[in-house]
């Protein structure tokens, strides 16, 4: 590849990318202009479980749950890890 071909390839690549960007910008502008009147068909790109809101535990619910870890349980685990049972 000589210098003339490389220059034409570089210029063509740059102009192609700029053309895609102009088309993308036009689509975005047109979408923003008609978004007010757009009616959804009801289909989604993502599954419905991704749109579900997550519910976190409240402080009152956390207080209702009794603690389930005891000191003797921890000592039993440490003894088992050392080879004692």
Protein backbone atom coordinates (compact mmCIF):
# COMPACT_ATOMS: atom_id res chain seq x y z
CA UNK A 1 0.00 0.00 0.00
CA UNK A 2 1.53 3.27 -1.06
CA UNK A 3 0.98 6.71 0.44
CA UNK A 4 -1.87 7.69 -1.92
CA UNK A 5 -3.91 4.58 -1.13
CA UNK A 6 -3.32 4.98 2.62
CA UNK A 7 -4.45 8.63 2.49
CA UNK A 8 -7.60 7.73 0.54
CA UNK A 9 -8.35 4.88 2.99
CA UNK A 10 -7.88 7.17 6.01
CA UNK A 11 -10.03 9.93 4.52
CA UNK A 12 -12.73 7.44 3.53
CA UNK A 13 -12.76 5.92 7.03
CA UNK A 14 -13.04 9.33 8.68
CA UNK A 15 -15.82 10.46 6.34
CA UNK A 16 -17.73 7.18 6.83
CA UNK A 17 -17.64 7.54 10.62
CA UNK A 18 -18.69 11.18 10.36
CA UNK A 19 -21.59 10.16 8.10
CA UNK A 20 -22.75 7.58 10.64
CA UNK A 21 -22.57 10.18 13.38
CA UNK A 22 -24.67 12.63 11.33
CA UNK A 23 -27.28 9.93 10.66
CA UNK A 24 -27.33 8.97 14.34
CA UNK A 25 -27.74 12.61 15.35
CA UNK A 26 -30.61 13.02 12.89
CA UNK A 27 -32.35 9.93 14.27
CA UNK A 28 -31.94 11.19 17.83
CA UNK A 29 -33.30 14.62 16.95
CA UNK A 30 -36.27 13.11 15.12
CA UNK A 31 -36.93 10.76 18.02
CA UNK A 32 -36.93 13.63 20.50
CA UNK A 33 -39.33 15.61 18.32
CA UNK A 34 -41.88 12.79 18.03
CA UNK A 35 -41.37 11.28 21.51
CA UNK A 36 -44.27 13.34 22.85
CA UNK A 37 -46.68 11.67 20.44
CA UNK A 38 -45.11 8.19 20.39
CA UNK A 39 -47.32 5.33 21.56
CA UNK A 40 -45.55 2.26 22.89
CA UNK A 41 -46.37 -1.11 21.35
CA UNK A 42 -45.77 -2.84 24.66
CA UNK A 43 -42.61 -4.74 23.75
CA UNK A 44 -39.43 -4.43 25.74
CA UNK A 45 -35.74 -4.92 25.09
CA UNK A 46 -35.07 -6.34 28.55
CA UNK A 47 -36.96 -9.07 30.43
CA UNK A 48 -39.63 -7.92 32.86
CA UNK A 49 -37.72 -9.05 35.96
CA UNK A 50 -35.11 -6.33 35.33
CA UNK A 51 -37.77 -3.63 35.82
CA UNK A 52 -39.06 -4.94 39.14
CA UNK A 53 -38.29 -2.74 42.10
CA UNK A 54 -36.45 -4.28 45.01
CA UNK A 55 -37.89 -4.07 48.47
CA UNK A 56 -35.50 -3.78 51.39
CA UNK A 57 -36.15 -4.77 54.97
CA UNK A 58 -37.36 -2.02 57.28
CA UNK A 59 -35.86 -1.48 60.73
CA UNK A 60 -39.04 -2.84 62.38
CA UNK A 61 -38.86 -6.04 60.33
CA UNK A 62 -35.19 -6.45 61.19
CA UNK A 63 -35.98 -6.18 64.90
CA UNK A 64 -38.58 -8.98 64.60
CA UNK A 65 -35.97 -11.43 63.36
CA UNK A 66 -34.23 -13.14 66.26
CA UNK A 67 -30.44 -13.42 66.05
CA UNK A 68 -29.44 -16.94 65.06
CA UNK A 69 -25.70 -16.89 65.70
CA UNK A 70 -24.48 -17.95 69.13
CA UNK A 71 -21.02 -17.91 70.62
CA UNK A 72 -21.00 -21.68 71.07
CA UNK A 73 -21.72 -22.14 67.36
CA UNK A 74 -18.68 -20.05 66.48
CA UNK A 75 -16.43 -22.00 68.86
CA UNK A 76 -17.63 -25.29 67.36
CA UNK A 77 -16.73 -24.05 63.87
CA UNK A 78 -13.26 -22.99 64.94
CA UNK A 79 -12.68 -26.39 66.58
CA UNK A 80 -13.73 -28.19 63.42
CA UNK A 81 -11.38 -26.12 61.30
CA UNK A 82 -8.49 -27.13 63.57
CA UNK A 83 -9.30 -30.83 63.19
CA UNK A 84 -11.11 -31.17 66.54
CA UNK A 85 -14.76 -32.17 66.73
